[in-house]
Protein backbone atom coordinates (compact mmCIF):
# COMPACT_ATOMS: atom_id res chain seq x y z
CA MET A 1 -149.20 40.92 -63.87
CA ARG A 2 -149.27 44.27 -65.50
CA ILE A 3 -152.16 46.19 -66.65
CA ALA A 4 -152.49 49.61 -68.23
CA GLY A 5 -155.33 52.30 -67.97
CA ILE A 6 -155.89 55.02 -70.32
CA ASP A 7 -157.98 58.09 -69.80
CA LEU A 8 -157.80 59.27 -73.32
CA SER A 9 -158.15 62.92 -74.22
CA GLY A 10 -160.06 64.04 -77.41
CA LYS A 11 -157.07 65.77 -78.65
CA ASP A 12 -153.25 65.57 -78.32
CA LYS A 13 -153.31 69.10 -77.09
CA LYS A 14 -154.44 68.00 -73.67
CA ALA A 15 -152.88 65.23 -71.71
CA SER A 16 -154.17 61.94 -71.26
CA GLY A 17 -153.84 59.85 -68.20
CA PHE A 18 -151.93 56.78 -68.41
CA CYS A 19 -151.68 54.28 -65.60
CA ILE A 20 -149.36 51.21 -65.17
CA LEU A 21 -150.53 48.89 -62.54
CA ASP A 22 -148.23 46.16 -61.30
CA ILE A 23 -150.07 43.49 -59.52
CA SER A 24 -147.99 41.02 -57.18
CA GLU A 25 -148.36 37.38 -56.69
CA ASN A 26 -149.59 38.46 -52.96
CA GLY A 27 -152.17 40.65 -54.68
CA SER A 28 -150.60 44.20 -53.83
CA ARG A 29 -151.02 46.77 -56.43
CA LYS A 30 -148.36 49.33 -57.25
CA ALA A 31 -149.25 52.18 -59.73
CA MET A 32 -147.12 54.39 -61.92
CA PHE A 33 -148.35 57.17 -63.74
CA SER A 34 -147.54 59.51 -66.95
CA THR A 35 -149.51 61.97 -69.00
CA PRO A 36 -148.69 61.49 -72.43
CA ARG A 37 -150.28 63.87 -74.98
CA THR A 38 -149.62 62.40 -78.47
CA ASP A 39 -150.64 58.93 -79.65
CA GLU A 40 -147.00 58.39 -80.28
CA GLU A 41 -146.14 58.89 -76.65
CA ILE A 42 -148.89 56.43 -75.70
CA LEU A 43 -147.96 53.76 -77.95
CA MET A 44 -144.36 54.32 -76.53
CA GLN A 45 -145.70 53.82 -73.01
CA CYS A 46 -147.51 50.66 -74.27
CA GLN A 47 -144.49 49.17 -75.67
CA LEU A 48 -142.16 49.99 -72.86
CA SER A 49 -144.50 48.84 -69.93
CA LYS A 50 -145.64 45.64 -71.77
CA PRO A 51 -149.24 45.19 -70.12
CA GLY A 52 -151.32 42.16 -70.73
CA ILE A 53 -154.52 44.20 -70.74
CA ILE A 54 -155.17 47.90 -71.74
CA ALA A 55 -158.30 49.37 -70.37
CA ILE A 56 -159.22 52.42 -72.47
CA ASP A 57 -161.75 55.04 -71.27
CA ALA A 58 -163.00 56.20 -74.85
CA PRO A 59 -165.39 54.64 -77.42
CA LEU A 60 -163.59 52.20 -79.55
CA SER A 61 -166.30 51.83 -82.09
CA LYS A 62 -168.57 54.31 -83.98
CA ALA A 63 -172.30 54.47 -83.41
CA LYS A 64 -173.92 53.15 -86.65
CA ASN A 65 -176.62 55.96 -86.14
CA GLY A 66 -173.79 58.66 -85.43
CA TYR A 67 -175.30 59.21 -81.94
CA LEU A 68 -175.42 56.59 -79.40
CA ARG A 69 -174.33 52.69 -79.55
CA PHE A 70 -176.55 50.00 -77.72
CA CYS A 71 -173.59 49.82 -75.04
CA ASP A 72 -173.92 53.60 -74.45
CA GLU A 73 -177.94 53.18 -74.14
CA GLU A 74 -177.17 50.41 -71.57
CA LEU A 75 -174.89 52.55 -69.64
CA MET A 76 -177.60 55.47 -69.60
CA SER A 77 -180.02 52.83 -68.33
CA LEU A 78 -177.90 52.45 -65.22
CA GLY A 79 -177.89 55.98 -64.53
CA VAL A 80 -174.55 56.99 -66.20
CA ASP A 81 -174.35 60.02 -68.27
CA VAL A 82 -173.28 59.42 -71.82
CA LEU A 83 -172.34 61.95 -74.40
CA PRO A 84 -173.55 61.45 -78.23
CA GLN A 85 -171.00 60.74 -80.71
CA SER A 86 -172.27 63.45 -82.73
CA LEU A 87 -170.99 66.20 -80.53
CA SER A 88 -167.64 67.72 -81.80
CA GLY A 89 -165.58 66.81 -78.67
CA MET A 90 -166.90 63.32 -78.62
CA ALA A 91 -166.40 62.71 -82.40
CA SER A 92 -162.78 63.55 -81.97
CA LEU A 93 -162.64 61.31 -78.99
CA VAL A 94 -164.13 58.45 -80.98
CA GLU A 95 -161.96 58.93 -83.78
CA ARG A 96 -158.82 59.12 -81.59
CA GLY A 97 -159.95 55.81 -79.51
CA ILE A 98 -160.43 53.94 -82.94
CA SER A 99 -157.18 55.07 -84.28
CA LEU A 100 -155.18 54.36 -81.25
CA ASN A 101 -156.87 51.07 -80.90
CA SER A 102 -155.79 50.22 -84.37
CA LYS A 103 -152.23 51.11 -83.67
CA ILE A 104 -151.57 49.31 -80.59
CA PRO A 105 -149.71 45.97 -81.42
CA ASN A 106 -152.06 43.47 -79.74
CA ALA A 107 -150.72 40.09 -80.38
CA ASP A 108 -149.96 39.42 -77.00
CA LEU A 109 -152.66 41.84 -75.15
CA GLU A 110 -156.27 42.55 -74.78
CA ILE A 111 -157.60 45.76 -75.36
CA ILE A 112 -160.92 46.81 -73.59
CA GLU A 113 -163.24 49.74 -73.74
CA ILE A 114 -164.45 50.71 -70.36
CA SER A 115 -166.25 53.71 -68.74
CA VAL A 116 -164.61 55.47 -65.93
CA ARG A 117 -167.84 57.03 -64.75
CA ALA A 118 -169.64 53.79 -64.72
CA THR A 119 -166.74 52.08 -63.05
CA LYS A 120 -166.67 54.83 -60.18
CA LYS A 121 -170.51 54.34 -59.75
CA VAL A 122 -170.13 50.68 -59.56
CA LEU A 123 -167.28 50.70 -57.09
CA GLY A 124 -168.62 53.55 -55.15
CA LEU A 125 -165.81 55.75 -55.91
CA GLU A 126 -165.85 59.72 -55.68
CA GLU A 127 -165.82 61.56 -58.96
CA LYS A 128 -162.83 63.49 -58.23
CA GLY A 129 -160.16 65.23 -56.47
CA MET A 130 -158.54 64.29 -53.18
CA ALA A 131 -161.59 62.20 -51.85
CA LEU A 132 -161.00 60.06 -55.15
CA GLN A 133 -157.23 59.97 -54.78
CA LYS A 134 -157.58 58.63 -50.93
CA GLN A 135 -160.05 55.94 -51.90
CA LEU A 136 -157.80 55.05 -54.87
CA SER A 137 -154.59 54.92 -52.71
CA GLY A 138 -156.42 52.38 -50.42
CA MET A 139 -156.96 50.30 -53.23
CA LEU A 140 -153.39 50.55 -54.71
CA SER A 141 -151.22 49.48 -51.87
CA GLY A 142 -150.74 53.30 -50.69
CA SER A 143 -149.05 54.17 -53.91
CA LEU A 144 -151.10 57.50 -54.44
CA SER A 145 -149.83 59.17 -51.20
CA ASP A 146 -146.69 60.94 -52.30
CA ARG A 147 -148.36 63.87 -54.40
CA MET A 148 -151.65 65.46 -55.69
CA TYR A 149 -152.44 63.75 -58.78
CA SER A 150 -154.32 65.10 -61.90
CA GLN A 151 -157.77 64.22 -62.52
CA ASP A 152 -156.54 62.32 -65.65
CA GLU A 153 -154.07 60.29 -63.65
CA LEU A 154 -156.70 59.26 -61.21
CA ASP A 155 -159.06 58.46 -63.91
CA SER A 156 -156.37 56.25 -65.58
CA ALA A 157 -156.21 54.46 -62.43
CA VAL A 158 -159.66 53.80 -62.42
CA ALA A 159 -159.65 52.32 -65.80
CA ALA A 160 -156.72 50.11 -64.81
CA LEU A 161 -158.93 48.90 -61.72
CA ALA A 162 -161.78 48.02 -64.17
CA ALA A 163 -158.99 45.84 -66.14
CA VAL A 164 -158.09 44.16 -62.86
CA PHE A 165 -162.03 43.04 -62.44
CA TYR A 166 -161.81 41.94 -66.33
CA SER A 167 -158.70 39.77 -65.63
CA SER A 168 -160.29 37.99 -62.80
CA GLY A 169 -163.69 37.37 -64.55
CA LYS A 170 -165.60 40.02 -62.23
CA THR A 171 -167.21 42.02 -65.13
CA ARG A 172 -170.18 42.44 -67.11
CA ILE A 173 -170.24 43.27 -70.75
CA LEU A 174 -172.59 45.89 -72.00
CA GLY A 175 -173.28 46.16 -75.85
CA ASP A 176 -173.48 44.03 -78.80
CA PRO A 177 -170.98 43.42 -82.12
CA GLU A 178 -171.51 47.23 -82.61
CA GLY A 179 -169.32 48.13 -79.34
CA ALA A 180 -168.85 46.68 -75.88
CA ILE A 181 -168.15 48.32 -72.69
CA ILE A 182 -166.58 46.24 -69.68
CA LEU A 183 -168.23 47.06 -66.22
CA PRO A 184 -166.90 45.73 -62.90
CA GLU A 185 -169.44 43.49 -60.92
CA VAL A 186 -168.93 43.69 -57.24
């Protein structure tokens, strides 16, 4: 099975994290990373890697009130910080997430919205840096021990892990028809 995790940046001037996670029949997980900037580069990565599930850490729908969706409010009730969509940086991330989602050919794959912050909280992962990299390396068959990875790459691996939980039915769906966020259950 092949899964992709994307830590999407709000603008293509900043790199996004992209993780392809290959899961073997024995359950071992090997991660491969890239840091694409443009939507075209992200789409190319999706086409080349052919994942069955893509987990994106970005809103894939707009809040009707322009501020927060119900799924965002549910995340907040779990103690996860959520930025309102009305902030300029979030507004560009929302637009990019929706646009990218509409461009990914999804005939043979599922695209899910996840929250890296919430996934880290549920899985008991560190927020960033070497501590997070060490934890992820243990979860990904040691495939993060060759160099220091960027925060975007590490967060894309967290997104891919959320998709692993989703693929095995070990998730909770927050939200309503306006928007849904997939959260691992342990």
